[in-house]
């Protein structure tokens, strides 16, 4: 199994064991595990679970989460926050079959997407914003002013 050794840049205080990056690392590990067994499950026609691809980026003022939700519509997307855990749920519903056509093959995937992760320290939960366009969900997690001011550059000196 290929384990990624991702840095703990989103972590809470050491020792709590709850941090966003470790959760993300587990999800990435599960994805690689699925690929090592073959292609991951993207729904098998029975309404099964589907995999959601996710990017998390950081700017000076925000964390930005981008999730690919192909085939989903805004009415079937739920973004919620509870106890500092952000959850993204989406459902892709099967298309209706046209009975007037004589189908030889009719493939459509459908099912549920769901991902949850702990918010990084310093996020202003009251200003989280989400938008959806062309199958891509974008969530902005603004940093509190004190979290933005907490970054300090450290000079790197030559050892010689």
C-alpha atoms as a PDB file:
ATOM      1  CA  UNK A   1       0.000   0.000   0.000  1.00  0.00           C
ATOM      2  CA  UNK A   2       1.299   3.450  -0.896  1.00  0.00           C
ATOM      3  CA  UNK A   3       1.002   5.717   2.167  1.00  0.00           C
ATOM      4  CA  UNK A   4       1.334   9.428   1.623  1.00  0.00           C
ATOM      5  CA  UNK A   5       3.327  11.279   4.255  1.00  0.00           C
ATOM      6  CA  UNK A   6       1.464  14.591   4.194  1.00  0.00           C
ATOM      7  CA  UNK A   7       2.564  17.437   6.491  1.00  0.00           C
ATOM      8  CA  UNK A   8       0.274  18.393   9.366  1.00  0.00           C
ATOM      9  CA  UNK A   9      -0.323  22.004   8.255  1.00  0.00           C
ATOM     10  CA  UNK A  10      -4.027  22.093   9.123  1.00  0.00           C
ATOM     11  CA  UNK A  11      -3.682  20.327  12.473  1.00  0.00           C
ATOM     12  CA  UNK A  12      -5.089  21.370  15.769  1.00  0.00           C
ATOM     13  CA  UNK A  13      -2.876  21.344  18.859  1.00  0.00           C
ATOM     14  CA  UNK A  14      -0.616  18.320  19.042  1.00  0.00           C
ATOM     15  CA  UNK A  15      -2.113  15.359  20.830  1.00  0.00           C
ATOM     16  CA  UNK A  16      -5.778  15.922  19.965  1.00  0.00           C
ATOM     17  CA  UNK A  17      -5.688  13.464  17.074  1.00  0.00           C
ATOM     18  CA  UNK A  18      -8.333  15.485  15.237  1.00  0.00           C
ATOM     19  CA  UNK A  19      -7.166  17.373  12.231  1.00  0.00           C
ATOM     20  CA  UNK A  20      -8.315  17.923   8.709  1.00  0.00           C
ATOM     21  CA  UNK A  21      -5.151  16.773   7.006  1.00  0.00           C
ATOM     22  CA  UNK A  22      -5.108  13.361   8.658  1.00  0.00           C
ATOM     23  CA  UNK A  23      -8.718  12.873   7.605  1.00  0.00           C
ATOM     24  CA  UNK A  24      -7.804  13.896   4.070  1.00  0.00           C
ATOM     25  CA  UNK A  25      -4.789  11.560   4.146  1.00  0.00           C
ATOM     26  CA  UNK A  26      -7.046   8.632   5.148  1.00  0.00           C
ATOM     27  CA  UNK A  27      -9.388   9.432   2.255  1.00  0.00           C
ATOM     28  CA  UNK A  28      -6.468   9.567  -0.186  1.00  0.00           C
ATOM     29  CA  UNK A  29      -5.127   6.272   1.194  1.00  0.00           C
ATOM     30  CA  UNK A  30      -8.543   4.654   0.691  1.00  0.00           C
ATOM     31  CA  UNK A  31      -8.608   5.944  -2.882  1.00  0.00           C
ATOM     32  CA  UNK A  32      -5.162   4.424  -3.581  1.00  0.00           C
ATOM     33  CA  UNK A  33      -6.304   1.176  -1.949  1.00  0.00           C
ATOM     34  CA  UNK A  34      -9.298   1.100  -4.310  1.00  0.00           C
ATOM     35  CA  UNK A  35      -7.038   1.658  -7.323  1.00  0.00           C
ATOM     36  CA  UNK A  36      -4.706  -1.131  -6.198  1.00  0.00           C
ATOM     37  CA  UNK A  37      -7.692  -3.520  -6.339  1.00  0.00           C
ATOM     38  CA  UNK A  38      -8.928  -2.131  -9.656  1.00  0.00           C
ATOM     39  CA  UNK A  39     -11.099   0.806 -10.520  1.00  0.00           C
ATOM     40  CA  UNK A  40     -12.933   2.508  -7.627  1.00  0.00           C
ATOM     41  CA  UNK A  41     -16.687   2.179  -7.350  1.00  0.00           C
ATOM     42  CA  UNK A  42     -18.526   4.995  -9.108  1.00  0.00           C
ATOM     43  CA  UNK A  43     -21.933   3.465  -8.536  1.00  0.00           C
ATOM     44  CA  UNK A  44     -23.057   0.116  -9.816  1.00  0.00           C
ATOM     45  CA  UNK A  45     -26.605   0.937 -10.790  1.00  0.00           C
ATOM     46  CA  UNK A  46     -28.043   0.088  -7.379  1.00  0.00           C
ATOM     47  CA  UNK A  47     -27.731   3.527  -5.833  1.00  0.00           C
ATOM     48  CA  UNK A  48     -24.408   2.704  -4.190  1.00  0.00           C
ATOM     49  CA  UNK A  49     -21.838   5.089  -2.831  1.00  0.00           C
ATOM     50  CA  UNK A  50     -19.746   7.141  -5.236  1.00  0.00           C
ATOM     51  CA  UNK A  51     -16.304   8.718  -4.827  1.00  0.00           C
ATOM     52  CA  UNK A  52     -15.997  12.496  -4.686  1.00  0.00           C
ATOM     53  CA  UNK A  53     -12.689  14.049  -5.741  1.00  0.00           C
ATOM     54  CA  UNK A  54     -11.585  16.898  -3.523  1.00  0.00           C
ATOM     55  CA  UNK A  55      -8.908  19.616  -3.576  1.00  0.00           C
ATOM     56  CA  UNK A  56      -7.981  21.743  -0.551  1.00  0.00           C
ATOM     57  CA  UNK A  57      -5.856  24.855  -1.082  1.00  0.00           C
ATOM     58  CA  UNK A  58      -4.777  27.679   1.204  1.00  0.00           C
ATOM     59  CA  UNK A  59      -4.379  31.378   0.499  1.00  0.00           C
ATOM     60  CA  UNK A  60      -3.442  34.159   2.920  1.00  0.00           C
ATOM     61  CA  UNK A  61      -7.105  34.788   3.767  1.00  0.00           C
ATOM     62  CA  UNK A  62      -8.945  31.505   3.100  1.00  0.00           C
ATOM     63  CA  UNK A  63      -8.878  27.767   2.743  1.00  0.00           C
ATOM     64  CA  UNK A  64     -10.552  26.744  -0.507  1.00  0.00           C
ATOM     65  CA  UNK A  65     -12.233  23.378  -0.951  1.00  0.00           C
ATOM     66  CA  UNK A  66     -13.137  22.258  -4.470  1.00  0.00           C
ATOM     67  CA  UNK A  67     -15.193  19.093  -5.000  1.00  0.00           C
ATOM     68  CA  UNK A  68     -16.036  17.482  -8.324  1.00  0.00           C
ATOM     69  CA  UNK A  69     -19.697  16.399  -8.325  1.00  0.00           C
ATOM     70  CA  UNK A  70     -20.363  15.266 -11.899  1.00  0.00           C
ATOM     71  CA  UNK A  71     -24.029  14.914 -12.717  1.00  0.00           C
ATOM     72  CA  UNK A  72     -25.238  16.491  -9.467  1.00  0.00           C
ATOM     73  CA  UNK A  73     -27.584  19.473  -9.378  1.00  0.00           C
ATOM     74  CA  UNK A  74     -27.589  22.214  -6.706  1.00  0.00           C
ATOM     75  CA  UNK A  75     -30.928  21.012  -5.291  1.00  0.00           C
ATOM     76  CA  UNK A  76     -29.314  17.658  -4.407  1.00  0.00           C
ATOM     77  CA  UNK A  77     -26.210  19.094  -2.688  1.00  0.00           C
ATOM     78  CA  UNK A  78     -26.026  19.576   1.068  1.00  0.00           C
ATOM     79  CA  UNK A  79     -23.104  21.331   2.775  1.00  0.00           C
ATOM     80  CA  UNK A  80     -23.351  21.382   6.565  1.00  0.00           C
ATOM     81  CA  UNK A  81     -21.206  22.272   9.564  1.00  0.00           C
ATOM     82  CA  UNK A  82     -21.575  20.614  12.936  1.00  0.00           C
ATOM     83  CA  UNK A  83     -19.053  20.750  15.781  1.00  0.00           C
ATOM     84  CA  UNK A  84     -16.285  21.990  13.418  1.00  0.00           C
ATOM     85  CA  UNK A  85     -16.899  19.093  11.018  1.00  0.00           C
ATOM     86  CA  UNK A  86     -17.751  20.128   7.468  1.00  0.00           C
ATOM     87  CA  UNK A  87     -19.834  17.568   5.574  1.00  0.00           C
ATOM     88  CA  UNK A  88     -20.522  17.575   1.848  1.00  0.00           C
ATOM     89  CA  UNK A  89     -23.326  15.334   0.599  1.00  0.00           C
ATOM     90  CA  UNK A  90     -24.620  15.091  -2.939  1.00  0.00           C
ATOM     91  CA  UNK A  91     -26.890  12.758  -4.808  1.00  0.00           C
ATOM     92  CA  UNK A  92     -26.796  12.006  -8.501  1.00  0.00           C
ATOM     93  CA  UNK A  93     -30.108  10.580  -9.588  1.00  0.00           C
ATOM     94  CA  UNK A  94     -30.618   8.178 -12.471  1.00  0.00           C
ATOM     95  CA  UNK A  95     -32.023   9.581 -15.660  1.00  0.00           C
ATOM     96  CA  UNK A  96     -35.421   8.394 -16.784  1.00  0.00           C
ATOM     97  CA  UNK A  97     -35.360   5.907 -19.618  1.00  0.00           C
ATOM     98  CA  UNK A  98     -37.270   6.751 -22.778  1.00  0.00           C
ATOM     99  CA  UNK A  99     -39.526   3.730 -23.360  1.00  0.00           C
ATOM    100  CA  UNK A 100     -40.163   4.751 -26.966  1.00  0.00           C
ATOM    101  CA  UNK A 101     -36.576   3.812 -27.857  1.00  0.00           C
ATOM    102  CA  UNK A 102     -35.259   0.283 -28.196  1.00  0.00           C
ATOM    103  CA  UNK A 103     -32.128   0.458 -26.024  1.00  0.00           C
ATOM    104  CA  UNK A 104     -29.407  -2.145 -26.475  1.00  0.00           C
ATOM    105  CA  UNK A 105     -27.324  -0.639 -23.675  1.00  0.00           C
ATOM    106  CA  UNK A 106     -28.332   2.008 -21.131  1.00  0.00           C
ATOM    107  CA  UNK A 107     -25.596   2.961 -18.624  1.00  0.00           C
ATOM    108  CA  UNK A 108     -26.008   5.736 -16.089  1.00  0.00           C
ATOM    109  CA  UNK A 109     -24.351   5.912 -12.708  1.00  0.00           C
ATOM    110  CA  UNK A 110     -26.156   7.290  -9.710  1.00  0.00           C
ATOM    111  CA  UNK A 111     -25.749   7.274  -5.986  1.00  0.00           C
ATOM    112  CA  UNK A 112     -24.529   9.334  -3.050  1.00  0.00           C
ATOM    113  CA  UNK A 113     -21.321  11.288  -2.593  1.00  0.00           C
ATOM    114  CA  UNK A 114     -20.296  12.155   0.966  1.00  0.00           C
ATOM    115  CA  UNK A 115     -17.135  13.522   2.568  1.00  0.00           C
ATOM    116  CA  UNK A 116     -16.584  14.948   6.046  1.00  0.00           C
ATOM    117  CA  UNK A 117     -13.539  16.573   7.590  1.00  0.00           C
ATOM    118  CA  UNK A 118     -12.522  18.696  10.552  1.00  0.00           C
ATOM    119  CA  UNK A 119     -12.184  22.415   9.889  1.00  0.00           C
ATOM    120  CA  UNK A 120      -8.691  23.825  10.300  1.00  0.00           C
ATOM    121  CA  UNK A 121      -8.040  26.030  13.317  1.00  0.00           C
ATOM    122  CA  UNK A 122      -8.776  29.716  12.736  1.00  0.00           C
ATOM    123  CA  UNK A 123     -11.705  29.422  10.279  1.00  0.00           C
ATOM    124  CA  UNK A 124     -14.523  31.954  10.596  1.00  0.00           C
ATOM    125  CA  UNK A 125     -17.414  29.461  10.496  1.00  0.00           C
ATOM    126  CA  UNK A 126     -20.018  32.237  10.218  1.00  0.00           C
ATOM    127  CA  UNK A 127     -18.619  33.316   6.823  1.00  0.00           C
ATOM    128  CA  UNK A 128     -18.264  29.968   5.046  1.00  0.00           C
ATOM    129  CA  UNK A 129     -19.589  30.266   1.503  1.00  0.00           C
ATOM    130  CA  UNK A 130     -20.406  27.615  -1.120  1.00  0.00           C
ATOM    131  CA  UNK A 131     -21.153  27.858  -4.841  1.00  0.00           C
ATOM    132  CA  UNK A 132     -21.807  25.261  -7.545  1.00  0.00           C
ATOM    133  CA  UNK A 133     -21.141  25.624 -11.271  1.00  0.00           C
ATOM    134  CA  UNK A 134     -20.769  23.049 -14.068  1.00  0.00           C
ATOM    135  CA  UNK A 135     -20.363  20.070 -11.740  1.00  0.00           C
ATOM    136  CA  UNK A 136     -17.857  21.733  -9.415  1.00  0.00           C
ATOM    137  CA  UNK A 137     -18.642  22.735  -5.818  1.00  0.00           C
ATOM    138  CA  UNK A 138     -16.434  25.482  -4.365  1.00  0.00           C
ATOM    139  CA  UNK A 139     -16.394  26.163  -0.638  1.00  0.00           C
ATOM    140  CA  UNK A 140     -14.560  29.161   0.797  1.00  0.00           C
ATOM    141  CA  UNK A 141     -13.452  28.881   4.422  1.00  0.00           C
ATOM    142  CA  UNK A 142     -12.363  32.412   5.437  1.00  0.00           C
ATOM    143  CA  UNK A 143      -9.681  32.690   8.099  1.00  0.00           C
ATOM    144  CA  UNK A 144     -10.288  34.745  11.214  1.00  0.00           C
ATOM    145  CA  UNK A 145      -8.210  37.974  11.268  1.00  0.00           C
ATOM    146  CA  UNK A 146      -6.038  36.645  14.093  1.00  0.00           C
ATOM    147  CA  UNK A 147      -5.340  33.463  12.103  1.00  0.00           C
ATOM    148  CA  UNK A 148      -4.243  35.570   9.132  1.00  0.00           C
ATOM    149  CA  UNK A 149      -1.896  37.624  11.316  1.00  0.00           C
ATOM    150  CA  UNK A 150      -0.444  34.522  12.989  1.00  0.00           C
ATOM    151  CA  UNK A 151       1.848  33.652  10.072  1.00  0.00           C
ATOM    152  CA  UNK A 152       5.464  34.676  10.530  1.00  0.00           C
ATOM    153  CA  UNK A 153       8.278  34.109   8.028  1.00  0.00           C
ATOM    154  CA  UNK A 154      11.376  32.490   9.467  1.00  0.00           C
ATOM    155  CA  UNK A 155      14.688  33.176   7.764  1.00  0.00           C
ATOM    156  CA  UNK A 156      16.666  30.143   6.663  1.00  0.00           C
ATOM    157  CA  UNK A 157      20.419  30.564   7.151  1.00  0.00           C
ATOM    158  CA  UNK A 158      23.217  28.545   5.662  1.00  0.00           C
ATOM    159  CA  UNK A 159      24.784  26.067   8.082  1.00  0.00           C
ATOM    160  CA  UNK A 160      28.332  27.045   7.051  1.00  0.00           C
END
